[in-house]
Amino acid sequence: MILKRNRADKKAIEIVFKTGKSFSSPNLNFKFILNNNSNIPRISFIVPKTVSKKAVKRNLLKRRGYNILRKYISQLPAGVIGILVFKKYQASPIGLRPREDILIIENEIKNLLNKIN
């Protein structure tokens, strides 16, 4: 997990959804804004019920995402507020091949975060 100060709150998420720019990958959407008032990047994950009806799987995806994001949080520009939204996973049901799922998610997160730099 990343620190709580590095996660976006509800007000920031609403602002990002209304005015943010977005990038997309096969399994993730990334919406963000650049805020000059803040010097720490804040990013959150959202996993809708369309991805999985079970909260256990949704929380698993969030934990995996935050663990991957921890590696790249220092490379983000200061003041970025972003949201990573999982799409419905196309290749195989999530949880069948955990290592491959983590590598796929990590590559997509890395590519999406590199687009804003």
C-alpha atoms as a PDB file:
ATOM      1  CA  MET A   1       0.000   0.000   0.000  1.00  0.00           C
ATOM      2  CA  ILE A   2       1.011   3.580  -0.482  1.00  0.00           C
ATOM      3  CA  LEU A   3       0.692   6.204   2.212  1.00  0.00           C
ATOM      4  CA  LYS A   4      -2.707   7.758   2.809  1.00  0.00           C
ATOM      5  CA  ARG A   5      -1.400  11.206   1.880  1.00  0.00           C
ATOM      6  CA  ASN A   6      -0.582   9.790  -1.567  1.00  0.00           C
ATOM      7  CA  ARG A   7      -4.162   8.614  -2.185  1.00  0.00           C
ATOM      8  CA  ALA A   8      -6.793  10.900  -3.669  1.00  0.00           C
ATOM      9  CA  ASP A   9      -9.850  11.746  -1.566  1.00  0.00           C
ATOM     10  CA  LYS A  10     -13.483  11.898  -2.739  1.00  0.00           C
ATOM     11  CA  LYS A  11     -13.434  15.601  -3.598  1.00  0.00           C
ATOM     12  CA  ALA A  12     -10.305  15.220  -5.681  1.00  0.00           C
ATOM     13  CA  ILE A  13     -11.787  12.195  -7.460  1.00  0.00           C
ATOM     14  CA  GLU A  14     -14.916  14.163  -8.391  1.00  0.00           C
ATOM     15  CA  ILE A  15     -12.792  16.999  -9.787  1.00  0.00           C
ATOM     16  CA  VAL A  16     -10.664  14.573 -11.790  1.00  0.00           C
ATOM     17  CA  PHE A  17     -13.724  12.898 -13.309  1.00  0.00           C
ATOM     18  CA  LYS A  18     -15.182  16.271 -14.330  1.00  0.00           C
ATOM     19  CA  THR A  19     -12.102  18.025 -15.698  1.00  0.00           C
ATOM     20  CA  GLY A  20      -9.318  15.465 -16.052  1.00  0.00           C
ATOM     21  CA  LYS A  21      -7.462  14.194 -19.081  1.00  0.00           C
ATOM     22  CA  SER A  22      -7.427  10.479 -19.704  1.00  0.00           C
ATOM     23  CA  PHE A  23      -5.335   7.689 -21.154  1.00  0.00           C
ATOM     24  CA  SER A  24      -6.426   4.139 -21.711  1.00  0.00           C
ATOM     25  CA  SER A  25      -4.897   0.677 -21.864  1.00  0.00           C
ATOM     26  CA  PRO A  26      -6.521  -2.736 -22.331  1.00  0.00           C
ATOM     27  CA  ASN A  27      -7.196  -3.233 -18.604  1.00  0.00           C
ATOM     28  CA  LEU A  28      -6.964   0.257 -17.077  1.00  0.00           C
ATOM     29  CA  ASN A  29      -8.197   3.807 -17.597  1.00  0.00           C
ATOM     30  CA  PHE A  30      -6.094   6.618 -16.160  1.00  0.00           C
ATOM     31  CA  LYS A  31      -7.640  10.039 -15.523  1.00  0.00           C
ATOM     32  CA  PHE A  32      -5.574  12.836 -14.047  1.00  0.00           C
ATOM     33  CA  ILE A  33      -5.137  16.549 -13.495  1.00  0.00           C
ATOM     34  CA  LEU A  34      -2.043  18.542 -12.594  1.00  0.00           C
ATOM     35  CA  ASN A  35      -2.498  20.605  -9.427  1.00  0.00           C
ATOM     36  CA  ASN A  36       0.116  23.307  -8.846  1.00  0.00           C
ATOM     37  CA  ASN A  37      -0.963  23.845  -5.222  1.00  0.00           C
ATOM     38  CA  SER A  38       0.257  20.460  -4.027  1.00  0.00           C
ATOM     39  CA  ASN A  39       3.739  19.028  -4.089  1.00  0.00           C
ATOM     40  CA  ILE A  40       2.877  15.366  -3.525  1.00  0.00           C
ATOM     41  CA  PRO A  41       1.297  13.118  -6.151  1.00  0.00           C
ATOM     42  CA  ARG A  42      -2.038  11.581  -5.174  1.00  0.00           C
ATOM     43  CA  ILE A  43      -3.386   8.544  -7.019  1.00  0.00           C
ATOM     44  CA  SER A  44      -6.222   6.141  -6.197  1.00  0.00           C
ATOM     45  CA  PHE A  45      -7.568   2.932  -7.680  1.00  0.00           C
ATOM     46  CA  ILE A  46     -11.209   2.266  -8.460  1.00  0.00           C
ATOM     47  CA  VAL A  47     -12.531  -1.203  -9.219  1.00  0.00           C
ATOM     48  CA  PRO A  48     -16.200  -1.147 -10.284  1.00  0.00           C
ATOM     49  CA  LYS A  49     -18.629  -3.982  -9.690  1.00  0.00           C
ATOM     50  CA  THR A  50     -18.649  -4.735 -13.409  1.00  0.00           C
ATOM     51  CA  VAL A  51     -15.130  -6.126 -12.985  1.00  0.00           C
ATOM     52  CA  SER A  52     -16.136  -8.490 -10.185  1.00  0.00           C
ATOM     53  CA  LYS A  53     -19.263  -8.792  -8.069  1.00  0.00           C
ATOM     54  CA  LYS A  54     -17.201  -9.999  -5.097  1.00  0.00           C
ATOM     55  CA  ALA A  55     -15.610  -7.357  -2.886  1.00  0.00           C
ATOM     56  CA  VAL A  56     -12.777  -9.755  -2.090  1.00  0.00           C
ATOM     57  CA  LYS A  57     -11.588  -9.745  -5.718  1.00  0.00           C
ATOM     58  CA  ARG A  58     -12.066  -5.999  -6.074  1.00  0.00           C
ATOM     59  CA  ASN A  59      -9.992  -5.378  -2.944  1.00  0.00           C
ATOM     60  CA  LEU A  60      -7.351  -7.812  -4.202  1.00  0.00           C
ATOM     61  CA  LEU A  61      -7.014  -5.790  -7.399  1.00  0.00           C
ATOM     62  CA  LYS A  62      -6.697  -2.554  -5.422  1.00  0.00           C
ATOM     63  CA  ARG A  63      -3.994  -4.041  -3.184  1.00  0.00           C
ATOM     64  CA  ARG A  64      -2.070  -5.332  -6.193  1.00  0.00           C
ATOM     65  CA  GLY A  65      -2.365  -1.962  -7.875  1.00  0.00           C
ATOM     66  CA  TYR A  66      -1.162  -0.023  -4.827  1.00  0.00           C
ATOM     67  CA  ASN A  67       1.775  -2.411  -4.337  1.00  0.00           C
ATOM     68  CA  ILE A  68       2.838  -1.875  -7.947  1.00  0.00           C
ATOM     69  CA  LEU A  69       2.278   1.877  -7.730  1.00  0.00           C
ATOM     70  CA  ARG A  70       4.576   2.106  -4.711  1.00  0.00           C
ATOM     71  CA  LYS A  71       7.547   1.480  -7.052  1.00  0.00           C
ATOM     72  CA  TYR A  72       6.615   4.320  -9.402  1.00  0.00           C
ATOM     73  CA  ILE A  73       5.184   6.985  -7.067  1.00  0.00           C
ATOM     74  CA  SER A  74       8.532   8.788  -6.819  1.00  0.00           C
ATOM     75  CA  GLN A  75       8.723   9.170 -10.627  1.00  0.00           C
ATOM     76  CA  LEU A  76       5.440  11.077 -10.866  1.00  0.00           C
ATOM     77  CA  PRO A  77       5.425  14.853 -11.279  1.00  0.00           C
ATOM     78  CA  ALA A  78       4.601  16.859  -8.175  1.00  0.00           C
ATOM     79  CA  GLY A  79       0.957  17.820  -7.843  1.00  0.00           C
ATOM     80  CA  VAL A  80      -0.574  15.157 -10.066  1.00  0.00           C
ATOM     81  CA  ILE A  81      -3.956  13.865  -8.900  1.00  0.00           C
ATOM     82  CA  GLY A  82      -5.003  10.706 -10.683  1.00  0.00           C
ATOM     83  CA  ILE A  83      -7.369   7.775 -10.736  1.00  0.00           C
ATOM     84  CA  LEU A  84      -6.671   4.349 -12.154  1.00  0.00           C
ATOM     85  CA  VAL A  85      -9.936   2.588 -12.995  1.00  0.00           C
ATOM     86  CA  PHE A  86      -9.870  -1.116 -13.775  1.00  0.00           C
ATOM     87  CA  LYS A  87     -11.780  -2.331 -16.807  1.00  0.00           C
ATOM     88  CA  LYS A  88     -13.300  -5.749 -17.163  1.00  0.00           C
ATOM     89  CA  TYR A  89     -10.383  -8.144 -17.553  1.00  0.00           C
ATOM     90  CA  GLN A  90     -10.468  -9.703 -21.018  1.00  0.00           C
ATOM     91  CA  ALA A  91      -7.811 -12.430 -21.164  1.00  0.00           C
ATOM     92  CA  SER A  92      -8.626 -14.709 -18.228  1.00  0.00           C
ATOM     93  CA  PRO A  93     -10.500 -14.477 -14.945  1.00  0.00           C
ATOM     94  CA  ILE A  94      -8.421 -12.557 -12.438  1.00  0.00           C
ATOM     95  CA  GLY A  95      -6.844 -14.754  -9.837  1.00  0.00           C
ATOM     96  CA  LEU A  96      -6.147 -17.804 -11.987  1.00  0.00           C
ATOM     97  CA  ARG A  97      -2.556 -16.789 -12.808  1.00  0.00           C
ATOM     98  CA  PRO A  98      -1.494 -14.278 -10.160  1.00  0.00           C
ATOM     99  CA  ARG A  99       2.105 -13.694 -11.320  1.00  0.00           C
ATOM    100  CA  GLU A 100       1.101 -13.090 -14.919  1.00  0.00           C
ATOM    101  CA  ASP A 101      -1.740 -10.812 -13.813  1.00  0.00           C
ATOM    102  CA  ILE A 102       0.651  -8.762 -11.702  1.00  0.00           C
ATOM    103  CA  LEU A 103       3.120  -8.410 -14.572  1.00  0.00           C
ATOM    104  CA  ILE A 104       0.380  -7.338 -16.983  1.00  0.00           C
ATOM    105  CA  ILE A 105      -0.984  -4.775 -14.532  1.00  0.00           C
ATOM    106  CA  GLU A 106       2.519  -3.503 -13.723  1.00  0.00           C
ATOM    107  CA  ASN A 107       3.374  -2.974 -17.395  1.00  0.00           C
ATOM    108  CA  GLU A 108       0.121  -1.107 -18.009  1.00  0.00           C
ATOM    109  CA  ILE A 109       0.546   1.118 -14.951  1.00  0.00           C
ATOM    110  CA  LYS A 110       4.140   1.895 -15.919  1.00  0.00           C
ATOM    111  CA  ASN A 111       3.118   2.775 -19.491  1.00  0.00           C
ATOM    112  CA  LEU A 112       0.211   4.966 -18.368  1.00  0.00           C
ATOM    113  CA  LEU A 113       2.317   6.846 -15.821  1.00  0.00           C
ATOM    114  CA  ASN A 114       5.077   7.422 -18.369  1.00  0.00           C
ATOM    115  CA  LYS A 115       2.599   9.175 -20.669  1.00  0.00           C
ATOM    116  CA  ILE A 116       2.135  12.092 -18.271  1.00  0.00           C
ATOM    117  CA  ASN A 117       5.861  12.784 -17.857  1.00  0.00           C
END
